[in-house]
Amino acid sequence: MNTIRPIGIIGYGKYVPERILTNADMEKMVETNDEWIVSRTGIRERHIAAPEQATSDLAYEAAVQALKTAGMSAEDLELIIVATITPDTFFPSTACILQDKLGAKKAAAFDLSAACSGFVYGMATANGMLQTGMYNNALVIGADALSRITDYTDRNTCVLFGDGAGAVVLGEVSPGRGFLSFDLGAEGSGGSLLKLEAGGSRLPASEETIQDKKHYIYMNGREVFKFAVRVMGTATEEVLRKAGKGKEDIDLFVPHQANIRIIQSAMQRLDLPEEKCVINVDKYANTSAASIPLALVEAAEEGRMKEGDTILLVGFGGGLTWGASVLVW
């Protein structure tokens, strides 16, 4: 990638709601058990937003942290992108609601919808705008409250999802640092495999759509699993090629936290030991757009990345979509 000016992460933050729903709790709600959930997904617990918390509230907490580590005030922000599939409202955008909460009066603001790939899509979008000089900094947030669209009577999906938010501030960094490459893609023909069918212009909310539970996540788990394993491999290979890097150059792998078996499959393909991979699906489950930034920020807070390390991020999600990035910390 020919960079006009190097852009990288200059601040970061995360937030998960206080309430924790364990596998033992799930056993009381649907016909399932801890051993089944852990063996198939790696998930042990998930965080659930309080009744009064919307996606913008989760995003706000992560944003405040990110601005603090960046040493910036909200008044300095020039761009806010919120990647989410659970916006507070169709409009105004969650990014605009957040802009007001933060007091970021100078910032342009919009939402981006690419499901679990949304955070990487958001960083790629902001990176392009910053490289050209259109803006000097950006706040990119992946935030979702999946509990709001999860059917807690569906044993196949309800154990998989949690709520949270992760945020980064992007800005100019020293030469040789920052983003080296992105690889974004979509396979819209698979859109029906993972969807929330009702509530939009195709199928507006009605008594019938509510009765038919069409306002909840639907997922064909088997087919999504096959897509994920395939695309995690091809996207990582392509983004490394674009960056002029090899598998041996990866210092830390930060994958989307959907399923431990998908993560392990990617690690095998990349010949990566577990110490080079960030895994926190056991604590947070699948948090959609928040998944990758939660893992990235947690790794940063734990000191797992040092300056000059090569980081590989990769995610996949509804759409179907995928997004990968290589950056130098």
Protein backbone atom coordinates (compact mmCIF):
# COMPACT_ATOMS: atom_id res chain seq x y z
CA MET A 1 0.00 0.00 0.00
CA ASN A 2 1.44 3.36 -1.03
CA THR A 3 0.99 5.60 1.99
CA ILE A 4 0.78 9.36 1.70
CA ARG A 5 1.48 9.66 5.40
CA PRO A 6 1.71 6.83 7.93
CA ILE A 7 -1.44 6.38 10.01
CA GLY A 8 -1.65 4.21 13.09
CA ILE A 9 -3.29 3.72 16.48
CA ILE A 10 -2.42 6.48 18.95
CA GLY A 11 -5.02 5.71 21.62
CA TYR A 12 -7.27 2.86 22.68
CA GLY A 13 -10.00 1.91 25.14
CA LYS A 14 -12.64 -0.71 25.85
CA TYR A 15 -15.79 -1.27 27.85
CA VAL A 16 -17.99 -4.23 28.75
CA PRO A 17 -21.18 -4.04 30.83
CA GLU A 18 -21.07 -5.16 34.46
CA ARG A 19 -23.63 -7.96 34.26
CA ILE A 20 -22.14 -11.37 33.45
CA LEU A 21 -24.19 -14.26 32.08
CA THR A 22 -22.34 -17.53 32.68
CA ASN A 23 -22.88 -20.90 31.04
CA ALA A 24 -24.43 -22.04 34.32
CA ASP A 25 -26.96 -19.22 33.93
CA MET A 26 -27.65 -20.34 30.35
CA GLU A 27 -28.38 -23.89 31.61
CA LYS A 28 -31.35 -22.45 33.53
CA MET A 29 -32.70 -20.69 30.42
CA VAL A 30 -32.41 -23.26 27.63
CA GLU A 31 -31.56 -26.94 27.19
CA THR A 32 -27.76 -26.72 27.16
CA ASN A 33 -24.79 -27.30 29.43
CA ASP A 34 -21.39 -25.85 30.17
CA GLU A 35 -19.42 -28.74 28.68
CA TRP A 36 -21.35 -28.57 25.39
CA ILE A 37 -20.88 -24.79 25.06
CA VAL A 38 -17.17 -24.80 25.97
CA SER A 39 -16.25 -27.75 23.76
CA ARG A 40 -17.98 -26.31 20.69
CA THR A 41 -17.35 -22.59 21.11
CA GLY A 42 -14.79 -21.93 23.88
CA ILE A 43 -17.26 -19.55 25.53
CA ARG A 44 -17.65 -19.58 29.32
CA GLU A 45 -19.42 -16.27 29.96
CA ARG A 46 -20.64 -13.11 28.26
CA HIS A 47 -21.37 -9.53 29.39
CA ILE A 48 -24.91 -8.18 29.01
CA ALA A 49 -25.93 -4.53 28.83
CA ALA A 50 -28.19 -3.18 31.56
CA PRO A 51 -31.79 -2.36 30.49
CA GLU A 52 -30.99 1.36 30.37
CA GLN A 53 -27.78 0.92 28.33
CA ALA A 54 -27.81 1.38 24.55
CA THR A 55 -24.95 0.87 22.11
CA SER A 56 -23.95 4.55 22.32
CA ASP A 57 -23.48 4.18 26.09
CA LEU A 58 -21.07 1.28 25.60
CA ALA A 59 -19.28 3.22 22.86
CA TYR A 60 -19.01 6.32 25.05
CA GLU A 61 -17.15 4.50 27.84
CA ALA A 62 -14.65 2.99 25.38
CA ALA A 63 -14.24 6.34 23.62
CA VAL A 64 -13.42 8.21 26.83
CA GLN A 65 -10.67 5.69 27.58
CA ALA A 66 -9.29 5.88 24.03
CA LEU A 67 -9.11 9.67 24.13
CA LYS A 68 -7.37 9.51 27.50
CA THR A 69 -4.63 7.14 26.29
CA ALA A 70 -4.24 9.29 23.16
CA GLY A 71 -3.80 12.39 25.33
CA MET A 72 -6.57 14.14 23.41
CA SER A 73 -9.78 15.94 24.25
CA ALA A 74 -13.05 15.34 22.45
CA GLU A 75 -12.83 18.88 21.06
CA ASP A 76 -9.76 17.79 19.08
CA LEU A 77 -11.60 15.01 17.24
CA GLU A 78 -12.25 15.48 13.53
CA LEU A 79 -13.99 12.22 12.60
CA ILE A 80 -16.05 9.58 14.43
CA ILE A 81 -16.94 6.24 12.88
CA VAL A 82 -19.06 3.75 14.82
CA ALA A 83 -19.19 0.22 13.42
CA THR A 84 -22.36 -1.44 14.69
CA ILE A 85 -25.33 -3.60 13.72
CA THR A 86 -27.27 -2.62 16.85
CA PRO A 87 -27.54 1.19 16.54
CA ASP A 88 -29.51 3.09 19.16
CA THR A 89 -31.89 4.11 16.37
CA PHE A 90 -31.95 3.86 12.55
CA PHE A 91 -31.30 7.60 12.63
CA PRO A 92 -29.79 9.70 14.00
CA SER A 93 -26.70 7.54 13.76
CA THR A 94 -25.09 6.18 16.91
CA ALA A 95 -21.97 8.13 15.91
CA CYS A 96 -23.95 11.39 16.02
CA ILE A 97 -25.43 10.49 19.40
CA LEU A 98 -21.90 9.73 20.60
CA GLN A 99 -20.51 12.95 19.13
CA ASP A 100 -23.01 14.91 21.24
CA LYS A 101 -22.28 12.87 24.41
CA LEU A 102 -18.55 13.42 24.00
CA GLY A 103 -18.87 17.10 23.09
CA ALA A 104 -16.84 16.51 19.91
CA LYS A 105 -18.32 19.52 18.15
CA LYS A 106 -15.80 19.59 15.26
CA ALA A 107 -16.14 15.93 14.31
CA ALA A 108 -17.92 14.51 11.31
CA ALA A 109 -19.79 11.38 12.38
CA PHE A 110 -21.37 8.35 10.76
CA ASP A 111 -22.17 4.68 11.36
CA LEU A 112 -20.84 1.77 9.35
CA SER A 113 -22.58 -1.60 9.01
CA ALA A 114 -20.39 -4.63 8.25
CA ALA A 115 -21.33 -6.83 11.23
CA CYS A 116 -18.33 -8.56 12.85
CA SER A 117 -15.98 -7.15 10.18
CA GLY A 118 -17.15 -3.62 10.92
CA PHE A 119 -14.24 -2.48 13.06
CA VAL A 120 -11.65 -3.36 10.38
CA TYR A 121 -13.86 -1.74 7.71
CA GLY A 122 -14.06 1.36 9.93
CA MET A 123 -10.29 1.57 10.40
CA ALA A 124 -9.72 1.12 6.65
CA THR A 125 -12.20 3.93 5.92
CA ALA A 126 -10.64 6.29 8.46
CA ASN A 127 -7.11 5.39 7.34
CA GLY A 128 -7.91 6.43 3.77
CA MET A 129 -9.38 9.74 4.90
CA LEU A 130 -6.43 10.49 7.18
CA GLN A 131 -3.76 9.50 4.65
CA THR A 132 -5.04 12.06 2.16
CA GLY A 133 -5.08 14.82 4.77
CA MET A 134 -8.87 15.17 4.69
CA TYR A 135 -8.77 14.73 8.46
CA ASN A 136 -5.91 14.61 10.98
CA ASN A 137 -7.42 12.17 13.46
CA ALA A 138 -10.33 9.78 13.84
CA LEU A 139 -12.11 7.86 16.56
CA VAL A 140 -13.11 4.40 15.33
CA ILE A 141 -15.35 2.30 17.54
CA GLY A 142 -16.73 -1.20 17.26
CA ALA A 143 -19.75 -1.45 19.54
CA ASP A 144 -22.68 -3.83 19.72
CA ALA A 145 -25.43 -4.79 22.13
CA LEU A 146 -26.25 -8.17 20.61
CA SER A 147 -28.33 -9.13 23.65
CA ARG A 148 -30.99 -6.81 22.25
CA ILE A 149 -31.42 -8.95 19.12
CA THR A 150 -30.75 -12.40 20.61
CA ASP A 151 -33.56 -14.92 21.05
CA TYR A 152 -32.92 -16.40 24.50
CA THR A 153 -35.19 -19.35 23.73
CA ASP A 154 -33.01 -20.46 20.78
CA ARG A 155 -30.36 -22.77 22.23
CA ASN A 156 -28.32 -22.72 19.01
CA THR A 157 -27.64 -18.97 19.03
CA CYS A 158 -28.32 -17.53 22.49
CA VAL A 159 -25.13 -18.95 24.03
CA LEU A 160 -22.93 -17.28 21.40
CA PHE A 161 -23.34 -13.55 21.87
CA GLY A 162 -22.38 -10.77 24.27
CA ASP A 163 -22.22 -6.97 24.50
CA GLY A 164 -19.26 -4.59 24.51
CA ALA A 165 -17.30 -1.83 22.82
CA GLY A 166 -13.71 -1.19 21.79
CA ALA A 167 -12.28 2.07 20.49
CA VAL A 168 -9.12 3.38 18.88
CA VAL A 169 -7.91 6.86 18.00
CA LEU A 170 -6.07 6.98 14.70
CA GLY A 171 -3.53 9.63 13.78
CA GLU A 172 -0.21 10.20 12.07
CA VAL A 173 2.66 8.04 13.36
CA SER A 174 6.37 7.87 12.64
CA PRO A 175 7.55 6.36 9.31
CA GLY A 176 7.59 2.57 9.33
CA ARG A 177 4.78 2.42 11.88
CA GLY A 178 1.02 2.12 11.50
CA PHE A 179 -1.11 0.36 8.92
CA LEU A 180 0.70 -1.52 6.17
CA SER A 181 -2.27 -3.11 4.42
CA PHE A 182 -5.98 -3.87 4.44
CA ASP A 183 -8.02 -6.57 2.76
CA LEU A 184 -11.78 -6.11 2.75
CA GLY A 185 -14.31 -8.29 0.99
CA ALA A 186 -17.89 -9.43 0.76
CA GLU A 187 -19.84 -12.46 -0.39
CA GLY A 188 -23.36 -11.09 -0.57
CA SER A 189 -24.70 -14.37 -1.96
CA GLY A 190 -24.33 -15.72 1.59
CA GLY A 191 -26.31 -12.93 3.19
CA SER A 192 -29.21 -15.21 4.10
CA LEU A 193 -26.93 -17.36 6.27
CA LEU A 194 -26.61 -14.72 9.00
CA LYS A 195 -29.25 -12.05 9.22
CA LEU A 196 -31.82 -10.03 11.11
CA GLU A 197 -34.72 -10.23 8.71
CA ALA A 198 -37.31 -7.71 9.84
CA GLY A 199 -37.39 -4.05 10.79
CA GLY A 200 -36.05 -2.55 7.56
CA SER A 201 -37.74 -1.39 4.37
CA ARG A 202 -38.08 -4.93 2.98
CA LEU A 203 -40.01 -6.25 5.97
CA PRO A 204 -41.18 -3.43 8.24
CA ALA A 205 -42.08 -4.26 11.82
CA SER A 206 -45.55 -5.74 12.17
CA GLU A 207 -47.49 -7.96 14.55
CA GLU A 208 -46.63 -10.88 12.25
CA THR A 209 -42.86 -10.21 12.14
CA ILE A 210 -42.80 -10.00 15.93
CA GLN A 211 -44.75 -13.25 16.33
CA ASP A 212 -42.42 -14.97 13.83
CA LYS A 213 -39.36 -13.77 15.77
CA LYS A 214 -37.90 -12.06 12.72
CA HIS A 215 -36.37 -9.27 14.81
CA TYR A 216 -33.78 -11.68 16.25
CA ILE A 217 -30.49 -12.96 14.85
CA TYR A 218 -30.85 -15.93 12.51
CA MET A 219 -27.72 -17.95 11.76
CA ASN A 220 -27.00 -21.10 9.78
CA GLY A 221 -24.14 -22.09 12.06
CA ARG A 222 -22.73 -24.90 9.95
CA GLU A 223 -22.45 -22.82 6.76
CA VAL A 224 -21.13 -19.72 8.56
CA PHE A 225 -18.48 -21.90 10.23
CA LYS A 226 -17.31 -23.21 6.83
CA PHE A 227 -17.18 -19.67 5.40
CA ALA A 228 -15.26 -18.40 8.43
CA VAL A 229 -12.58 -21.10 8.31
CA ARG A 230 -12.07 -20.53 4.58
CA VAL A 231 -12.01 -16.74 4.62
CA MET A 232 -9.84 -16.43 7.75
CA GLY A 233 -7.17 -18.28 5.79
CA THR A 234 -7.49 -16.53 2.44
CA ALA A 235 -7.84 -13.03 3.95
CA THR A 236 -4.76 -13.43 6.17
CA GLU A 237 -2.67 -14.66 3.26
CA GLU A 238 -3.82 -11.79 1.04
CA VAL A 239 -3.33 -9.03 3.61
CA LEU A 240 0.16 -10.35 4.45
CA ARG A 241 1.02 -10.40 0.73
CA LYS A 242 -0.12 -6.78 0.37
CA ALA A 243 2.03 -5.80 3.37
CA GLY A 244 5.08 -7.61 2.00
CA LYS A 245 5.13 -9.80 5.10
CA GLY A 246 5.20 -13.55 5.73
CA LYS A 247 3.59 -15.72 8.39
CA GLU A 248 6.91 -15.74 10.25
CA ASP A 249 6.74 -11.94 10.64
CA ILE A 250 3.57 -11.99 12.77
CA ASP A 251 4.25 -11.00 16.36
CA LEU A 252 0.60 -11.00 17.46
CA PHE A 253 -2.55 -12.37 15.84
CA VAL A 254 -5.84 -10.69 16.83
CA PRO A 255 -8.77 -12.62 15.30
CA HIS A 256 -12.50 -12.08 15.58
CA GLN A 257 -13.66 -13.89 18.71
CA ALA A 258 -16.57 -15.98 17.45
CA ASN A 259 -15.54 -19.56 18.08
CA ILE A 260 -12.38 -21.13 19.49
CA ARG A 261 -12.34 -23.80 16.77
CA ILE A 262 -12.28 -21.16 14.01
CA ILE A 263 -9.43 -19.34 15.79
CA GLN A 264 -7.48 -22.59 16.20
CA SER A 265 -7.94 -23.41 12.53
CA ALA A 266 -6.47 -20.02 11.56
CA MET A 267 -3.56 -20.48 13.99
CA GLN A 268 -2.73 -23.84 12.39
CA ARG A 269 -2.82 -22.33 8.91
CA LEU A 270 -0.45 -19.57 10.03
CA ASP A 271 1.79 -21.93 12.06
CA LEU A 272 1.29 -19.70 15.10
CA PRO A 273 1.80 -20.79 18.72
CA GLU A 274 -0.92 -19.85 21.19
CA GLU A 275 1.27 -17.21 22.86
CA LYS A 276 1.16 -15.21 19.62
CA CYS A 277 -2.64 -15.22 19.51
CA VAL A 278 -5.13 -13.12 21.50
CA ILE A 279 -8.00 -15.29 22.72
CA ASN A 280 -10.70 -13.89 24.99
CA VAL A 281 -13.82 -15.51 23.51
CA ASP A 282 -14.14 -17.39 26.82
CA LYS A 283 -14.82 -14.13 28.69
CA TYR A 284 -16.82 -12.06 26.21
CA ALA A 285 -18.33 -14.47 23.61
CA ASN A 286 -19.03 -13.02 20.16
CA THR A 287 -19.49 -9.25 20.49
CA SER A 288 -19.67 -8.59 16.73
CA ALA A 289 -17.95 -5.30 15.79
CA ALA A 290 -16.59 -4.97 19.34
CA SER A 291 -14.80 -8.32 19.19
CA ILE A 292 -11.50 -7.37 17.51
CA PRO A 293 -11.02 -4.04 19.33
CA LEU A 294 -11.81 -5.68 22.70
CA ALA A 295 -9.11 -8.26 22.02
CA LEU A 296 -6.65 -5.67 20.68
CA VAL A 297 -7.12 -3.29 23.60
CA GLU A 298 -6.91 -6.08 26.16
CA ALA A 299 -3.61 -7.21 24.62
CA ALA A 300 -2.30 -3.63 24.72
CA GLU A 301 -3.33 -3.21 28.35
CA GLU A 302 -1.58 -6.47 29.24
CA GLY A 303 1.64 -5.29 27.56
CA ARG A 304 1.57 -8.02 24.91
CA MET A 305 2.61 -5.59 22.15
CA LYS A 306 5.84 -3.65 22.01
CA GLU A 307 6.82 -0.87 19.64
CA GLY A 308 7.71 -2.27 16.22
CA ASP A 309 5.66 -5.46 16.57
CA THR A 310 3.74 -6.64 13.50
CA ILE A 311 0.06 -7.18 14.33
CA LEU A 312 -2.40 -9.10 12.18
CA LEU A 313 -6.13 -8.44 12.62
CA VAL A 314 -8.78 -10.49 10.83
CA GLY A 315 -12.55 -10.80 11.13
CA PHE A 316 -15.59 -12.15 9.30
CA GLY A 317 -19.29 -11.64 9.72
CA GLY A 318 -22.75 -11.06 8.34
CA GLY A 319 -23.08 -9.81 4.82
CA LEU A 320 -21.19 -12.05 4.41
CA THR A 321 -18.08 -9.90 4.91
CA TRP A 322 -14.46 -10.14 5.91
CA GLY A 323 -11.76 -7.65 6.85
CA ALA A 324 -8.07 -8.00 7.65
CA SER A 325 -5.25 -5.58 8.41
CA VAL A 326 -1.54 -5.65 9.09
CA LEU A 327 -0.07 -2.88 11.21
CA VAL A 328 3.19 -2.11 12.95
CA TRP A 329 2.61 -1.11 16.58
